[in-house]
Amino acid sequence: MAGQRRLLVIGIVGTLIAALCCSTSILVLLLAALGIASLTGYLDYVLLPALAFFVGLTIYAVYRKRRS
């Protein structure tokens, strides 16, 4: 039971972080502050699959929680 709750929390937190980085310029500002702003062109290749993964993980955790 605790594993299912942990899976759900990880899914929700990951989804929120990925969505926040996708929709705002927080990550762009962070990369600029670190001096690696040239990587901002590649963010879509990482953030969108991460968002899809965490949304899928959240759906899977909710499915497992309802099933048990």
PDB file of N, CA and C in Angstrom:
ATOM      1  N   MET A   1       0.823  -1.199   0.000  1.00  0.00           N
ATOM      2  CA  MET A   1       0.000   0.000   0.000  1.00  0.00           C
ATOM      3  C   MET A   1       0.864   1.259   0.000  1.00  0.00           C
ATOM      4  N   ALA A   2       1.956   1.234   0.762  1.00  0.00           N
ATOM      5  CA  ALA A   2       2.822   2.412   0.818  1.00  0.00           C
ATOM      6  C   ALA A   2       3.546   2.628  -0.499  1.00  0.00           C
ATOM      7  N   GLY A   3       3.836   1.539  -1.209  1.00  0.00           N
ATOM      8  CA  GLY A   3       4.497   1.650  -2.505  1.00  0.00           C
ATOM      9  C   GLY A   3       3.617   2.326  -3.533  1.00  0.00           C
ATOM     10  N   GLN A   4       2.313   2.050  -3.479  1.00  0.00           N
ATOM     11  CA  GLN A   4       1.386   2.680  -4.415  1.00  0.00           C
ATOM     12  C   GLN A   4       1.279   4.172  -4.145  1.00  0.00           C
ATOM     13  N   ARG A   5       1.248   4.543  -2.882  1.00  0.00           N
ATOM     14  CA  ARG A   5       1.165   5.967  -2.530  1.00  0.00           C
ATOM     15  C   ARG A   5       2.439   6.693  -2.955  1.00  0.00           C
ATOM     16  N   ARG A   6       3.560   6.040  -2.745  1.00  0.00           N
ATOM     17  CA  ARG A   6       4.839   6.640  -3.135  1.00  0.00           C
ATOM     18  C   ARG A   6       4.904   6.826  -4.653  1.00  0.00           C
ATOM     19  N   LEU A   7       4.438   5.840  -5.394  1.00  0.00           N
ATOM     20  CA  LEU A   7       4.412   5.922  -6.850  1.00  0.00           C
ATOM     21  C   LEU A   7       3.532   7.078  -7.311  1.00  0.00           C
ATOM     22  N   LEU A   8       2.391   7.253  -6.668  1.00  0.00           N
ATOM     23  CA  LEU A   8       1.484   8.346  -7.009  1.00  0.00           C
ATOM     24  C   LEU A   8       2.113   9.703  -6.705  1.00  0.00           C
ATOM     25  N   VAL A   9       2.766   9.826  -5.580  1.00  0.00           N
ATOM     26  CA  VAL A   9       3.401  11.092  -5.201  1.00  0.00           C
ATOM     27  C   VAL A   9       4.533  11.432  -6.170  1.00  0.00           C
ATOM     28  N   ILE A  10       5.340  10.449  -6.536  1.00  0.00           N
ATOM     29  CA  ILE A  10       6.423  10.682  -7.491  1.00  0.00           C
ATOM     30  C   ILE A  10       5.851  11.117  -8.832  1.00  0.00           C
ATOM     31  N   GLY A  11       4.785  10.479  -9.267  1.00  0.00           N
ATOM     32  CA  GLY A  11       4.155  10.840 -10.532  1.00  0.00           C
ATOM     33  C   GLY A  11       3.616  12.260 -10.527  1.00  0.00           C
ATOM     34  N   ILE A  12       2.945  12.636  -9.461  1.00  0.00           N
ATOM     35  CA  ILE A  12       2.366  13.979  -9.377  1.00  0.00           C
ATOM     36  C   ILE A  12       3.448  15.049  -9.290  1.00  0.00           C
ATOM     37  N   VAL A  13       4.448  14.827  -8.450  1.00  0.00           N
ATOM     38  CA  VAL A  13       5.526  15.813  -8.306  1.00  0.00           C
ATOM     39  C   VAL A  13       6.307  15.945  -9.613  1.00  0.00           C
ATOM     40  N   GLY A  14       6.611  14.835 -10.253  1.00  0.00           N
ATOM     41  CA  GLY A  14       7.320  14.883 -11.529  1.00  0.00           C
ATOM     42  C   GLY A  14       6.523  15.594 -12.599  1.00  0.00           C
ATOM     43  N   THR A  15       5.218  15.343 -12.637  1.00  0.00           N
ATOM     44  CA  THR A  15       4.357  16.021 -13.606  1.00  0.00           C
ATOM     45  C   THR A  15       4.346  17.525 -13.358  1.00  0.00           C
ATOM     46  N   LEU A  16       4.230  17.933 -12.116  1.00  0.00           N
ATOM     47  CA  LEU A  16       4.216  19.361 -11.803  1.00  0.00           C
ATOM     48  C   LEU A  16       5.529  20.044 -12.167  1.00  0.00           C
ATOM     49  N   ILE A  17       6.648  19.401 -11.868  1.00  0.00           N
ATOM     50  CA  ILE A  17       7.944  19.996 -12.187  1.00  0.00           C
ATOM     51  C   ILE A  17       8.147  20.092 -13.694  1.00  0.00           C
ATOM     52  N   ALA A  18       7.824  19.017 -14.414  1.00  0.00           N
ATOM     53  CA  ALA A  18       7.989  19.036 -15.873  1.00  0.00           C
ATOM     54  C   ALA A  18       7.046  20.056 -16.512  1.00  0.00           C
ATOM     55  N   ALA A  19       5.815  20.138 -16.031  1.00  0.00           N
ATOM     56  CA  ALA A  19       4.874  21.114 -16.583  1.00  0.00           C
ATOM     57  C   ALA A  19       5.324  22.538 -16.283  1.00  0.00           C
ATOM     58  N   LEU A  20       5.861  22.765 -15.116  1.00  0.00           N
ATOM     59  CA  LEU A  20       6.351  24.094 -14.746  1.00  0.00           C
ATOM     60  C   LEU A  20       7.518  24.495 -15.635  1.00  0.00           C
ATOM     61  N   CYS A  21       8.409  23.576 -15.900  1.00  0.00           N
ATOM     62  CA  CYS A  21       9.562  23.890 -16.753  1.00  0.00           C
ATOM     63  C   CYS A  21       9.152  24.052 -18.211  1.00  0.00           C
ATOM     64  N   CYS A  22       8.117  23.342 -18.635  1.00  0.00           N
ATOM     65  CA  CYS A  22       7.657  23.465 -20.028  1.00  0.00           C
ATOM     66  C   CYS A  22       6.929  24.783 -20.270  1.00  0.00           C
ATOM     67  N   SER A  23       6.154  25.218 -19.312  1.00  0.00           N
ATOM     68  CA  SER A  23       5.283  26.364 -19.553  1.00  0.00           C
ATOM     69  C   SER A  23       5.885  27.701 -19.140  1.00  0.00           C
ATOM     70  N   THR A  24       6.951  27.687 -18.392  1.00  0.00           N
ATOM     71  CA  THR A  24       7.555  28.947 -17.964  1.00  0.00           C
ATOM     72  C   THR A  24       9.017  28.987 -18.387  1.00  0.00           C
ATOM     73  N   SER A  25       9.604  30.102 -18.186  1.00  0.00           N
ATOM     74  CA  SER A  25      11.006  30.255 -18.573  1.00  0.00           C
ATOM     75  C   SER A  25      11.950  30.072 -17.390  1.00  0.00           C
ATOM     76  N   ILE A  26      11.517  29.362 -16.367  1.00  0.00           N
ATOM     77  CA  ILE A  26      12.362  29.148 -15.190  1.00  0.00           C
ATOM     78  C   ILE A  26      13.640  28.410 -15.566  1.00  0.00           C
ATOM     79  N   LEU A  27      13.503  27.363 -16.356  1.00  0.00           N
ATOM     80  CA  LEU A  27      14.669  26.579 -16.732  1.00  0.00           C
ATOM     81  C   LEU A  27      15.597  27.367 -17.657  1.00  0.00           C
ATOM     82  N   VAL A  28      15.043  28.192 -18.515  1.00  0.00           N
ATOM     83  CA  VAL A  28      15.859  29.018 -19.403  1.00  0.00           C
ATOM     84  C   VAL A  28      16.681  30.001 -18.581  1.00  0.00           C
ATOM     85  N   LEU A  29      16.064  30.621 -17.597  1.00  0.00           N
ATOM     86  CA  LEU A  29      16.795  31.544 -16.730  1.00  0.00           C
ATOM     87  C   LEU A  29      17.874  30.827 -15.929  1.00  0.00           C
ATOM     88  N   LEU A  30      17.574  29.624 -15.463  1.00  0.00           N
ATOM     89  CA  LEU A  30      18.560  28.849 -14.711  1.00  0.00           C
ATOM     90  C   LEU A  30      19.751  28.488 -15.590  1.00  0.00           C
ATOM     91  N   LEU A  31      19.478  28.052 -16.815  1.00  0.00           N
ATOM     92  CA  LEU A  31      20.573  27.707 -17.725  1.00  0.00           C
ATOM     93  C   LEU A  31      21.396  28.939 -18.087  1.00  0.00           C
ATOM     94  N   ALA A  32      20.750  30.079 -18.249  1.00  0.00           N
ATOM     95  CA  ALA A  32      21.467  31.322 -18.543  1.00  0.00           C
ATOM     96  C   ALA A  32      22.347  31.731 -17.368  1.00  0.00           C
ATOM     97  N   ALA A  33      21.845  31.547 -16.161  1.00  0.00           N
ATOM     98  CA  ALA A  33      22.629  31.899 -14.974  1.00  0.00           C
ATOM     99  C   ALA A  33      23.843  30.987 -14.825  1.00  0.00           C
ATOM    100  N   LEU A  34      23.707  29.738 -15.270  1.00  0.00           N
ATOM    101  CA  LEU A  34      24.826  28.803 -15.190  1.00  0.00           C
ATOM    102  C   LEU A  34      25.796  28.961 -16.353  1.00  0.00           C
ATOM    103  N   GLY A  35      25.428  29.759 -17.333  1.00  0.00           N
ATOM    104  CA  GLY A  35      26.301  29.996 -18.471  1.00  0.00           C
ATOM    105  C   GLY A  35      26.186  28.958 -19.577  1.00  0.00           C
ATOM    106  N   ILE A  36      25.139  28.176 -19.549  1.00  0.00           N
ATOM    107  CA  ILE A  36      24.949  27.153 -20.580  1.00  0.00           C
ATOM    108  C   ILE A  36      23.613  27.363 -21.299  1.00  0.00           C
ATOM    109  N   ALA A  37      23.352  28.607 -21.636  1.00  0.00           N
ATOM    110  CA  ALA A  37      22.086  28.952 -22.281  1.00  0.00           C
ATOM    111  C   ALA A  37      21.974  28.391 -23.687  1.00  0.00           C
ATOM    112  N   SER A  38      23.071  27.932 -24.253  1.00  0.00           N
ATOM    113  CA  SER A  38      23.007  27.356 -25.598  1.00  0.00           C
ATOM    114  C   SER A  38      22.234  26.043 -25.620  1.00  0.00           C
ATOM    115  N   LEU A  39      21.990  25.457 -24.472  1.00  0.00           N
ATOM    116  CA  LEU A  39      21.240  24.199 -24.393  1.00  0.00           C
ATOM    117  C   LEU A  39      19.726  24.402 -24.425  1.00  0.00           C
ATOM    118  N   THR A  40      19.264  25.636 -24.417  1.00  0.00           N
ATOM    119  CA  THR A  40      17.815  25.872 -24.374  1.00  0.00           C
ATOM    120  C   THR A  40      17.101  25.375 -25.619  1.00  0.00           C
ATOM    121  N   GLY A  41      17.788  25.266 -26.719  1.00  0.00           N
ATOM    122  CA  GLY A  41      17.173  24.744 -27.934  1.00  0.00           C
ATOM    123  C   GLY A  41      16.841  23.264 -27.839  1.00  0.00           C
ATOM    124  N   TYR A  42      17.471  22.565 -26.929  1.00  0.00           N
ATOM    125  CA  TYR A  42      17.263  21.129 -26.775  1.00  0.00           C
ATOM    126  C   TYR A  42      16.291  20.772 -25.654  1.00  0.00           C
ATOM    127  N   LEU A  43      15.738  21.757 -24.993  1.00  0.00           N
ATOM    128  CA  LEU A  43      14.853  21.484 -23.856  1.00  0.00           C
ATOM    129  C   LEU A  43      13.596  20.731 -24.267  1.00  0.00           C
ATOM    130  N   ASP A  44      13.064  21.023 -25.437  1.00  0.00           N
ATOM    131  CA  ASP A  44      11.845  20.337 -25.882  1.00  0.00           C
ATOM    132  C   ASP A  44      12.065  18.845 -26.061  1.00  0.00           C
ATOM    133  N   TYR A  45      13.283  18.456 -26.428  1.00  0.00           N
ATOM    134  CA  TYR A  45      13.584  17.044 -26.616  1.00  0.00           C
ATOM    135  C   TYR A  45      13.608  16.278 -25.295  1.00  0.00           C
ATOM    136  N   VAL A  46      13.798  16.989 -24.202  1.00  0.00           N
ATOM    137  CA  VAL A  46      13.873  16.347 -22.889  1.00  0.00           C
ATOM    138  C   VAL A  46      12.589  16.554 -22.091  1.00  0.00           C
ATOM    139  N   LEU A  47      12.068  17.772 -22.083  1.00  0.00           N
ATOM    140  CA  LEU A  47      10.945  18.097 -21.203  1.00  0.00           C
ATOM    141  C   LEU A  47       9.629  17.466 -21.642  1.00  0.00           C
ATOM    142  N   LEU A  48       9.339  17.452 -22.921  1.00  0.00           N
ATOM    143  CA  LEU A  48       8.060  16.889 -23.368  1.00  0.00           C
ATOM    144  C   LEU A  48       7.978  15.375 -23.135  1.00  0.00           C
ATOM    145  N   PRO A  49       9.031  14.597 -23.447  1.00  0.00           N
ATOM    146  CA  PRO A  49       8.964  13.170 -23.080  1.00  0.00           C
ATOM    147  C   PRO A  49       8.907  12.946 -21.567  1.00  0.00           C
ATOM    148  N   ALA A  50       9.600  13.800 -20.796  1.00  0.00           N
ATOM    149  CA  ALA A  50       9.537  13.671 -19.341  1.00  0.00           C
ATOM    150  C   ALA A  50       8.128  13.954 -18.838  1.00  0.00           C
ATOM    151  N   LEU A  51       7.481  14.952 -19.408  1.00  0.00           N
ATOM    152  CA  LEU A  51       6.109  15.261 -19.029  1.00  0.00           C
ATOM    153  C   LEU A  51       5.186  14.098 -19.362  1.00  0.00           C
ATOM    154  N   ALA A  52       5.340  13.538 -20.553  1.00  0.00           N
ATOM    155  CA  ALA A  52       4.512  12.396 -20.951  1.00  0.00           C
ATOM    156  C   ALA A  52       4.759  11.197 -20.038  1.00  0.00           C
ATOM    157  N   PHE A  53       6.011  10.959 -19.661  1.00  0.00           N
ATOM    158  CA  PHE A  53       6.338   9.842 -18.774  1.00  0.00           C
ATOM    159  C   PHE A  53       5.677  10.018 -17.410  1.00  0.00           C
ATOM    160  N   PHE A  54       5.786  11.202 -16.822  1.00  0.00           N
ATOM    161  CA  PHE A  54       5.236  11.413 -15.491  1.00  0.00           C
ATOM    162  C   PHE A  54       3.710  11.434 -15.490  1.00  0.00           C
ATOM    163  N   VAL A  55       3.097  11.912 -16.551  1.00  0.00           N
ATOM    164  CA  VAL A  55       1.635  11.832 -16.652  1.00  0.00           C
ATOM    165  C   VAL A  55       1.211  10.370 -16.737  1.00  0.00           C
ATOM    166  N   GLY A  56       1.929   9.594 -17.536  1.00  0.00           N
ATOM    167  CA  GLY A  56       1.643   8.162 -17.624  1.00  0.00           C
ATOM    168  C   GLY A  56       1.854   7.454 -16.303  1.00  0.00           C
ATOM    169  N   LEU A  57       2.895   7.810 -15.579  1.00  0.00           N
ATOM    170  CA  LEU A  57       3.157   7.219 -14.266  1.00  0.00           C
ATOM    171  C   LEU A  57       2.040   7.552 -13.285  1.00  0.00           C
ATOM    172  N   THR A  58       1.554   8.776 -13.331  1.00  0.00           N
ATOM    173  CA  THR A  58       0.451   9.174 -12.455  1.00  0.00           C
ATOM    174  C   THR A  58      -0.817   8.387 -12.786  1.00  0.00           C
ATOM    175  N   ILE A  59      -1.120   8.250 -14.064  1.00  0.00           N
ATOM    176  CA  ILE A  59      -2.304   7.485 -14.479  1.00  0.00           C
ATOM    177  C   ILE A  59      -2.170   6.029 -14.043  1.00  0.00           C
ATOM    178  N   TYR A  60      -0.986   5.467 -14.209  1.00  0.00           N
ATOM    179  CA  TYR A  60      -0.753   4.081 -13.797  1.00  0.00           C
ATOM    180  C   TYR A  60      -0.915   3.916 -12.288  1.00  0.00           C
ATOM    181  N   ALA A  61      -0.400   4.864 -11.513  1.00  0.00           N
ATOM    182  CA  ALA A  61      -0.511   4.779 -10.051  1.00  0.00           C
ATOM    183  C   ALA A  61      -1.964   4.892  -9.606  1.00  0.00           C
ATOM    184  N   VAL A  62      -2.733   5.765 -10.243  1.00  0.00           N
ATOM    185  CA  VAL A  62      -4.155   5.897  -9.896  1.00  0.00           C
ATOM    186  C   VAL A  62      -4.894   4.614 -10.257  1.00  0.00           C
ATOM    187  N   TYR A  63      -4.562   4.022 -11.410  1.00  0.00           N
ATOM    188  CA  TYR A  63      -5.175   2.764 -11.832  1.00  0.00           C
ATOM    189  C   TYR A  63      -4.880   1.654 -10.836  1.00  0.00           C
ATOM    190  N   ARG A  64      -3.639   1.538 -10.400  1.00  0.00           N
ATOM    191  CA  ARG A  64      -3.272   0.498  -9.428  1.00  0.00           C
ATOM    192  C   ARG A  64      -3.927   0.728  -8.079  1.00  0.00           C
ATOM    193  N   LYS A  65      -4.068   1.986  -7.694  1.00  0.00           N
ATOM    194  CA  LYS A  65      -4.670   2.301  -6.389  1.00  0.00           C
ATOM    195  C   LYS A  65      -6.159   1.955  -6.398  1.00  0.00           C
ATOM    196  N   ARG A  66      -6.836   2.261  -7.497  1.00  0.00           N
ATOM    197  CA  ARG A  66      -8.273   1.943  -7.587  1.00  0.00           C
ATOM    198  C   ARG A  66      -8.506   0.449  -7.706  1.00  0.00           C
ATOM    199  N   ARG A  67      -7.582  -0.249  -8.335  1.00  0.00           N
ATOM    200  CA  ARG A  67      -7.724  -1.690  -8.549  1.00  0.00           C
ATOM    201  C   ARG A  67      -7.598  -2.470  -7.252  1.00  0.00           C
ATOM    202  N   SER A  68      -6.782  -1.981  -6.341  1.00  0.00           N
ATOM    203  CA  SER A  68      -6.586  -2.731  -5.088  1.00  0.00           C
ATOM    204  C   SER A  68      -7.545  -2.305  -4.006  1.00  0.00           C
TER     205      SER A  68
END
